[in-house]
């Protein structure tokens, strides 16, 4: 399971450091693509998690899935770590996620999300303990 939040710089070549804890969980082969939550972030999936995701996507009716597939697959890339634990984020994905000099790297269960630091702060402005409690109330403990 992927969890934890980290801030790292993006260098001039578009490389960002992924913490060792997250690298270990992602493994050697992984995919980076546009985020699927309606937010301008990037998602990084291990190969097994990507395959599970694609299988679920394939179960949607073609009229719905074809648009999503084009959105995701045309902007999905095999990525690997360099010797320093960084990944090179393709330019079109950096532009999409508005990644420039800083990024927030989040472990989110089965994927890693990469956010522009300012967009991540905006996303969290309205998150309060009360709003989380309302969501959690739907779970049965």
N, C-alpha and C. Protein backbone atom coordinates (compact mmCIF):
# COMPACT_ATOMS: atom_id res chain seq x y z
N UNK A 1 0.85 -1.17 0.00
CA UNK A 1 0.00 0.00 0.00
C UNK A 1 0.90 1.24 0.00
N UNK A 2 0.53 2.21 -0.80
CA UNK A 2 1.30 3.44 -0.94
C UNK A 2 0.68 4.53 -0.05
N UNK A 3 1.51 5.16 0.77
CA UNK A 3 1.03 6.26 1.59
C UNK A 3 2.19 7.17 1.96
N UNK A 4 1.84 8.36 2.42
CA UNK A 4 2.83 9.36 2.79
C UNK A 4 2.79 10.53 1.81
N UNK A 5 3.22 11.68 2.29
CA UNK A 5 3.27 12.88 1.47
C UNK A 5 4.65 13.51 1.55
N UNK A 6 5.16 13.94 0.42
CA UNK A 6 6.52 14.47 0.32
C UNK A 6 6.53 15.65 -0.64
N UNK A 7 7.43 16.58 -0.40
CA UNK A 7 7.64 17.69 -1.34
C UNK A 7 9.04 17.59 -1.91
N UNK A 8 9.12 17.74 -3.24
CA UNK A 8 10.42 17.70 -3.90
C UNK A 8 10.44 18.70 -5.05
N UNK A 9 11.65 19.11 -5.40
CA UNK A 9 11.84 20.01 -6.53
C UNK A 9 11.78 19.24 -7.84
N UNK A 10 11.40 19.95 -8.89
CA UNK A 10 11.49 19.42 -10.24
C UNK A 10 12.64 20.17 -10.89
N UNK A 11 13.61 19.43 -11.41
CA UNK A 11 14.75 20.12 -11.99
C UNK A 11 14.43 20.64 -13.40
N UNK A 12 15.39 21.35 -13.98
CA UNK A 12 15.16 21.99 -15.28
C UNK A 12 14.91 20.98 -16.40
N UNK A 13 15.34 19.75 -16.21
CA UNK A 13 15.11 18.71 -17.22
C UNK A 13 13.77 18.02 -17.04
N UNK A 14 13.04 18.37 -15.97
CA UNK A 14 11.73 17.76 -15.74
C UNK A 14 11.78 16.49 -14.90
N UNK A 15 12.85 16.33 -14.13
CA UNK A 15 12.99 15.15 -13.29
C UNK A 15 12.53 15.47 -11.87
N UNK A 16 11.87 14.50 -11.26
CA UNK A 16 11.42 14.66 -9.88
C UNK A 16 11.82 13.41 -9.10
N UNK A 17 12.24 13.62 -7.89
CA UNK A 17 12.66 12.54 -7.00
C UNK A 17 11.43 11.86 -6.41
N UNK A 18 11.44 10.54 -6.43
CA UNK A 18 10.39 9.75 -5.80
C UNK A 18 11.00 9.08 -4.56
N UNK A 19 10.45 9.31 -3.38
CA UNK A 19 11.03 8.75 -2.16
C UNK A 19 11.16 7.22 -2.22
N UNK A 20 12.19 6.73 -1.55
CA UNK A 20 12.51 5.30 -1.59
C UNK A 20 11.33 4.42 -1.18
N UNK A 21 10.59 4.83 -0.18
CA UNK A 21 9.44 4.04 0.28
C UNK A 21 8.44 3.83 -0.86
N UNK A 22 8.19 4.86 -1.62
CA UNK A 22 7.25 4.75 -2.74
C UNK A 22 7.88 3.99 -3.90
N UNK A 23 9.17 4.20 -4.14
CA UNK A 23 9.86 3.47 -5.22
C UNK A 23 9.79 1.97 -4.98
N UNK A 24 10.00 1.57 -3.73
CA UNK A 24 9.98 0.14 -3.41
C UNK A 24 8.62 -0.48 -3.74
N UNK A 25 7.56 0.24 -3.45
CA UNK A 25 6.21 -0.25 -3.72
C UNK A 25 5.88 -0.24 -5.21
N UNK A 26 6.37 0.74 -5.94
CA UNK A 26 6.09 0.83 -7.38
C UNK A 26 6.80 -0.26 -8.17
N UNK A 27 7.97 -0.64 -7.72
CA UNK A 27 8.72 -1.66 -8.43
C UNK A 27 9.49 -1.10 -9.61
N UNK A 28 9.98 -1.99 -10.44
CA UNK A 28 10.84 -1.62 -11.57
C UNK A 28 10.07 -1.03 -12.74
N UNK A 29 8.86 -1.57 -13.00
CA UNK A 29 8.08 -1.12 -14.15
C UNK A 29 6.84 -0.38 -13.66
N UNK A 30 6.63 0.80 -14.21
CA UNK A 30 5.44 1.55 -13.82
C UNK A 30 5.06 2.53 -14.91
N UNK A 31 3.84 3.05 -14.78
CA UNK A 31 3.24 3.92 -15.79
C UNK A 31 2.88 5.25 -15.12
N UNK A 32 3.15 6.35 -15.82
CA UNK A 32 2.70 7.67 -15.37
C UNK A 32 1.70 8.18 -16.40
N UNK A 33 0.60 8.75 -15.91
CA UNK A 33 -0.45 9.25 -16.81
C UNK A 33 -1.16 10.43 -16.15
N UNK A 34 -2.07 11.03 -16.90
CA UNK A 34 -2.91 12.09 -16.35
C UNK A 34 -3.75 11.51 -15.21
N UNK A 35 -4.07 12.38 -14.24
CA UNK A 35 -4.94 11.96 -13.15
C UNK A 35 -6.35 11.70 -13.64
N UNK A 36 -7.06 10.84 -12.93
CA UNK A 36 -8.40 10.45 -13.35
C UNK A 36 -9.50 11.03 -12.45
N UNK A 37 -9.12 11.84 -11.48
CA UNK A 37 -10.12 12.32 -10.52
C UNK A 37 -10.71 13.67 -10.91
N UNK A 38 -10.44 14.13 -12.12
CA UNK A 38 -10.93 15.44 -12.52
C UNK A 38 -10.05 16.57 -12.02
N UNK A 39 -8.89 16.22 -11.52
CA UNK A 39 -7.93 17.20 -11.00
C UNK A 39 -6.68 17.16 -11.87
N UNK A 40 -5.96 18.26 -11.92
CA UNK A 40 -4.75 18.34 -12.76
C UNK A 40 -3.53 17.84 -12.00
N UNK A 41 -3.55 16.55 -11.74
CA UNK A 41 -2.39 15.90 -11.15
C UNK A 41 -2.01 14.74 -12.06
N UNK A 42 -0.92 14.08 -11.74
CA UNK A 42 -0.49 12.89 -12.46
C UNK A 42 -0.64 11.68 -11.56
N UNK A 43 -0.89 10.54 -12.15
CA UNK A 43 -0.96 9.28 -11.41
C UNK A 43 0.17 8.38 -11.88
N UNK A 44 0.77 7.69 -10.93
CA UNK A 44 1.84 6.74 -11.21
C UNK A 44 1.38 5.39 -10.67
N UNK A 45 1.29 4.40 -11.58
CA UNK A 45 0.83 3.06 -11.23
C UNK A 45 1.94 2.05 -11.44
N UNK A 46 2.08 1.11 -10.50
CA UNK A 46 2.93 -0.04 -10.78
C UNK A 46 2.30 -0.78 -11.96
N UNK A 47 3.06 -1.60 -12.63
CA UNK A 47 2.51 -2.32 -13.78
C UNK A 47 1.32 -3.20 -13.39
N UNK A 48 1.39 -3.96 -12.29
CA UNK A 48 0.21 -4.77 -11.91
C UNK A 48 -1.03 -3.90 -11.62
N UNK A 49 -0.84 -2.76 -10.97
CA UNK A 49 -1.98 -1.88 -10.67
C UNK A 49 -2.52 -1.25 -11.95
N UNK A 50 -1.65 -0.90 -12.88
CA UNK A 50 -2.09 -0.36 -14.17
C UNK A 50 -2.94 -1.39 -14.90
N UNK A 51 -2.50 -2.64 -14.89
CA UNK A 51 -3.25 -3.69 -15.57
C UNK A 51 -4.63 -3.89 -14.94
N UNK A 52 -4.72 -3.82 -13.62
CA UNK A 52 -6.03 -3.90 -12.94
C UNK A 52 -6.91 -2.72 -13.35
N UNK A 53 -6.32 -1.54 -13.39
CA UNK A 53 -7.06 -0.34 -13.77
C UNK A 53 -7.59 -0.47 -15.20
N UNK A 54 -6.75 -0.91 -16.12
CA UNK A 54 -7.15 -1.05 -17.53
C UNK A 54 -8.26 -2.10 -17.65
N UNK A 55 -8.17 -3.17 -16.88
CA UNK A 55 -9.22 -4.19 -16.91
C UNK A 55 -10.57 -3.60 -16.50
N UNK A 56 -10.58 -2.79 -15.45
CA UNK A 56 -11.83 -2.13 -15.02
C UNK A 56 -12.33 -1.18 -16.10
N UNK A 57 -11.42 -0.45 -16.70
CA UNK A 57 -11.79 0.47 -17.78
C UNK A 57 -12.39 -0.28 -18.96
N UNK A 58 -11.85 -1.44 -19.26
CA UNK A 58 -12.36 -2.25 -20.36
C UNK A 58 -13.76 -2.80 -20.10
N UNK A 59 -14.17 -2.84 -18.84
CA UNK A 59 -15.50 -3.34 -18.50
C UNK A 59 -16.59 -2.28 -18.66
N UNK A 60 -16.21 -1.03 -18.87
CA UNK A 60 -17.20 0.01 -19.12
C UNK A 60 -17.75 -0.13 -20.53
N UNK A 61 -18.98 0.36 -20.76
CA UNK A 61 -19.48 0.36 -22.14
C UNK A 61 -18.55 1.18 -23.04
N UNK A 62 -18.38 0.73 -24.27
CA UNK A 62 -17.46 1.38 -25.21
C UNK A 62 -17.79 2.85 -25.40
N UNK A 63 -19.06 3.22 -25.34
CA UNK A 63 -19.44 4.61 -25.54
C UNK A 63 -18.87 5.51 -24.44
N UNK A 64 -18.68 4.95 -23.26
CA UNK A 64 -18.10 5.72 -22.16
C UNK A 64 -16.58 5.57 -22.12
N UNK A 65 -16.11 4.36 -22.33
CA UNK A 65 -14.69 4.11 -22.12
C UNK A 65 -13.81 4.66 -23.22
N UNK A 66 -14.32 4.82 -24.43
CA UNK A 66 -13.44 5.25 -25.53
C UNK A 66 -12.87 6.64 -25.28
N UNK A 67 -13.66 7.55 -24.75
CA UNK A 67 -13.18 8.90 -24.45
C UNK A 67 -12.13 8.84 -23.34
N UNK A 68 -12.43 8.08 -22.30
CA UNK A 68 -11.49 7.96 -21.18
C UNK A 68 -10.19 7.29 -21.63
N UNK A 69 -10.30 6.28 -22.47
CA UNK A 69 -9.10 5.59 -22.96
C UNK A 69 -8.21 6.53 -23.76
N UNK A 70 -8.81 7.33 -24.64
CA UNK A 70 -7.99 8.28 -25.41
C UNK A 70 -7.32 9.29 -24.47
N UNK A 71 -8.07 9.79 -23.51
CA UNK A 71 -7.54 10.76 -22.55
C UNK A 71 -6.34 10.19 -21.80
N UNK A 72 -6.47 8.94 -21.37
CA UNK A 72 -5.42 8.31 -20.56
C UNK A 72 -4.30 7.71 -21.39
N UNK A 73 -4.63 6.88 -22.36
CA UNK A 73 -3.61 6.12 -23.08
C UNK A 73 -2.74 6.99 -23.97
N UNK A 74 -3.29 8.04 -24.54
CA UNK A 74 -2.48 8.92 -25.39
C UNK A 74 -1.47 9.70 -24.56
N UNK A 75 -1.67 9.73 -23.27
CA UNK A 75 -0.80 10.49 -22.37
C UNK A 75 -0.25 9.62 -21.24
N UNK A 76 -0.04 8.34 -21.53
CA UNK A 76 0.54 7.42 -20.56
C UNK A 76 1.92 7.00 -21.06
N UNK A 77 2.85 6.91 -20.13
CA UNK A 77 4.24 6.62 -20.50
C UNK A 77 4.85 5.62 -19.54
N UNK A 78 5.63 4.69 -20.10
CA UNK A 78 6.50 3.84 -19.28
C UNK A 78 7.62 4.73 -18.76
N UNK A 79 7.87 4.66 -17.50
CA UNK A 79 8.90 5.50 -16.90
C UNK A 79 9.77 4.62 -16.01
N UNK A 80 11.02 5.02 -15.87
CA UNK A 80 11.91 4.28 -14.98
C UNK A 80 12.71 5.25 -14.12
N UNK A 81 13.20 4.73 -13.02
CA UNK A 81 14.01 5.53 -12.11
C UNK A 81 15.42 5.65 -12.64
N UNK A 82 16.04 6.82 -12.43
CA UNK A 82 17.46 6.94 -12.72
C UNK A 82 18.23 6.53 -11.47
N UNK A 83 19.53 6.63 -11.50
CA UNK A 83 20.36 6.18 -10.39
C UNK A 83 20.11 6.95 -9.10
N UNK A 84 19.55 8.18 -9.20
CA UNK A 84 19.27 8.99 -8.02
C UNK A 84 17.82 8.85 -7.54
N UNK A 85 17.04 7.96 -8.13
CA UNK A 85 15.66 7.75 -7.71
C UNK A 85 14.69 8.77 -8.29
N UNK A 86 15.07 9.39 -9.40
CA UNK A 86 14.19 10.38 -10.05
C UNK A 86 13.53 9.75 -11.26
N UNK A 87 12.40 10.35 -11.64
CA UNK A 87 11.77 10.00 -12.91
C UNK A 87 11.73 11.25 -13.77
N UNK A 88 11.82 11.04 -15.07
CA UNK A 88 11.67 12.13 -16.02
C UNK A 88 10.20 12.20 -16.40
N UNK A 89 9.55 13.30 -16.05
CA UNK A 89 8.14 13.48 -16.37
C UNK A 89 8.07 14.10 -17.77
N UNK A 90 7.43 13.42 -18.71
CA UNK A 90 7.34 13.98 -20.07
C UNK A 90 6.74 15.39 -20.06
N UNK A 91 7.22 16.20 -20.98
CA UNK A 91 6.84 17.61 -21.03
C UNK A 91 5.33 17.81 -21.09
N UNK A 92 4.62 17.03 -21.91
CA UNK A 92 3.18 17.25 -22.02
C UNK A 92 2.46 16.94 -20.70
N UNK A 93 2.97 16.00 -19.92
CA UNK A 93 2.38 15.74 -18.62
C UNK A 93 2.73 16.82 -17.61
N UNK A 94 3.95 17.35 -17.70
CA UNK A 94 4.30 18.49 -16.82
C UNK A 94 3.40 19.68 -17.10
N UNK A 95 3.16 19.95 -18.38
CA UNK A 95 2.26 21.06 -18.74
C UNK A 95 0.85 20.81 -18.24
N UNK A 96 0.34 19.60 -18.45
CA UNK A 96 -1.01 19.26 -18.02
C UNK A 96 -1.19 19.48 -16.51
N UNK A 97 -0.23 18.99 -15.72
CA UNK A 97 -0.33 19.06 -14.27
C UNK A 97 0.23 20.37 -13.70
N UNK A 98 0.68 21.25 -14.61
CA UNK A 98 1.24 22.55 -14.22
C UNK A 98 2.41 22.40 -13.25
N UNK A 99 3.25 21.40 -13.55
CA UNK A 99 4.43 21.16 -12.73
C UNK A 99 5.55 22.05 -13.22
N UNK A 100 6.11 22.84 -12.33
CA UNK A 100 7.22 23.70 -12.71
C UNK A 100 8.42 23.45 -11.82
N UNK A 101 8.45 24.03 -10.65
CA UNK A 101 9.65 23.89 -9.83
C UNK A 101 9.46 23.01 -8.59
N UNK A 102 8.23 22.88 -8.11
CA UNK A 102 7.97 22.08 -6.91
C UNK A 102 6.82 21.13 -7.16
N UNK A 103 6.88 20.00 -6.47
CA UNK A 103 5.81 19.01 -6.59
C UNK A 103 5.55 18.38 -5.24
N UNK A 104 4.30 18.03 -5.01
CA UNK A 104 3.92 17.22 -3.87
C UNK A 104 3.73 15.81 -4.39
N UNK A 105 4.38 14.86 -3.74
CA UNK A 105 4.34 13.46 -4.13
C UNK A 105 3.55 12.73 -3.05
N UNK A 106 2.43 12.12 -3.42
CA UNK A 106 1.54 11.50 -2.45
C UNK A 106 1.36 10.02 -2.73
N UNK A 107 1.49 9.20 -1.72
CA UNK A 107 1.10 7.81 -1.83
C UNK A 107 -0.39 7.72 -1.53
N UNK A 108 -1.16 7.19 -2.48
CA UNK A 108 -2.61 7.16 -2.34
C UNK A 108 -3.09 5.73 -2.61
N UNK A 109 -2.88 4.87 -1.64
CA UNK A 109 -3.35 3.49 -1.68
C UNK A 109 -2.66 2.68 -2.76
N UNK A 110 -3.20 2.66 -3.98
CA UNK A 110 -2.65 1.81 -5.04
C UNK A 110 -1.90 2.60 -6.10
N UNK A 111 -1.69 3.89 -5.87
CA UNK A 111 -1.00 4.73 -6.85
C UNK A 111 -0.27 5.86 -6.14
N UNK A 112 0.59 6.51 -6.89
CA UNK A 112 1.25 7.74 -6.43
C UNK A 112 0.65 8.88 -7.24
N UNK A 113 0.37 9.99 -6.58
CA UNK A 113 -0.07 11.19 -7.27
C UNK A 113 1.02 12.24 -7.20
N UNK A 114 1.21 12.96 -8.29
CA UNK A 114 2.18 14.05 -8.35
C UNK A 114 1.40 15.32 -8.63
N UNK A 115 1.50 16.28 -7.72
CA UNK A 115 0.73 17.52 -7.79
C UNK A 115 1.64 18.74 -7.83
N UNK A 116 1.22 19.75 -8.55
CA UNK A 116 1.79 21.08 -8.40
C UNK A 116 1.51 21.49 -6.96
N UNK A 117 2.51 22.00 -6.27
CA UNK A 117 2.37 22.32 -4.86
C UNK A 117 1.24 23.31 -4.60
N UNK A 118 1.09 24.33 -5.44
CA UNK A 118 0.02 25.30 -5.25
C UNK A 118 -1.36 24.69 -5.48
N UNK A 119 -1.48 23.84 -6.51
CA UNK A 119 -2.76 23.18 -6.77
C UNK A 119 -3.13 22.23 -5.64
N UNK A 120 -2.12 21.56 -5.06
CA UNK A 120 -2.38 20.67 -3.93
C UNK A 120 -2.87 21.47 -2.72
N UNK A 121 -2.28 22.63 -2.49
CA UNK A 121 -2.73 23.48 -1.38
C UNK A 121 -4.17 23.94 -1.61
N UNK A 122 -4.50 24.33 -2.84
CA UNK A 122 -5.87 24.73 -3.15
C UNK A 122 -6.84 23.57 -2.93
N UNK A 123 -6.45 22.39 -3.34
CA UNK A 123 -7.29 21.20 -3.18
C UNK A 123 -7.62 20.96 -1.71
N UNK A 124 -6.68 21.28 -0.84
CA UNK A 124 -6.86 21.01 0.59
C UNK A 124 -7.47 22.16 1.38
N UNK A 125 -7.70 23.30 0.74
CA UNK A 125 -8.24 24.45 1.47
C UNK A 125 -9.55 24.14 2.18
N UNK A 126 -10.40 23.37 1.54
CA UNK A 126 -11.72 23.10 2.12
C UNK A 126 -11.81 21.75 2.83
N UNK A 127 -10.69 21.08 2.94
CA UNK A 127 -10.69 19.82 3.66
C UNK A 127 -10.51 20.11 5.15
N UNK A 128 -11.49 19.71 5.91
CA UNK A 128 -11.46 19.93 7.36
C UNK A 128 -11.66 18.60 8.07
N UNK A 129 -11.34 18.55 9.35
CA UNK A 129 -11.65 17.31 10.08
C UNK A 129 -13.14 16.95 9.99
N UNK A 130 -13.99 17.97 9.96
CA UNK A 130 -15.43 17.72 9.88
C UNK A 130 -15.82 17.12 8.52
N UNK A 131 -15.23 17.64 7.44
CA UNK A 131 -15.57 17.10 6.12
C UNK A 131 -15.10 15.65 5.98
N UNK A 132 -13.97 15.34 6.57
CA UNK A 132 -13.48 13.96 6.55
C UNK A 132 -14.37 13.08 7.41
N UNK A 133 -14.80 13.59 8.55
CA UNK A 133 -15.70 12.83 9.42
C UNK A 133 -17.00 12.49 8.70
N UNK A 134 -17.51 13.42 7.90
CA UNK A 134 -18.74 13.15 7.14
C UNK A 134 -18.53 12.03 6.14
N UNK A 135 -17.38 12.01 5.49
CA UNK A 135 -17.08 10.93 4.54
C UNK A 135 -16.94 9.61 5.29
N UNK A 136 -16.22 9.64 6.39
CA UNK A 136 -15.95 8.42 7.14
C UNK A 136 -17.22 7.85 7.79
N UNK A 137 -18.20 8.69 8.03
CA UNK A 137 -19.46 8.24 8.63
C UNK A 137 -20.16 7.21 7.74
N UNK A 138 -19.86 7.23 6.45
CA UNK A 138 -20.47 6.27 5.53
C UNK A 138 -19.88 4.88 5.67
N UNK A 139 -18.73 4.77 6.30
CA UNK A 139 -18.12 3.46 6.53
C UNK A 139 -18.73 2.83 7.78
N UNK A 140 -18.84 1.55 7.75
CA UNK A 140 -19.32 0.84 8.94
C UNK A 140 -18.13 0.23 9.65
N UNK A 141 -17.96 0.60 10.91
CA UNK A 141 -16.86 0.06 11.71
C UNK A 141 -17.39 -0.96 12.69
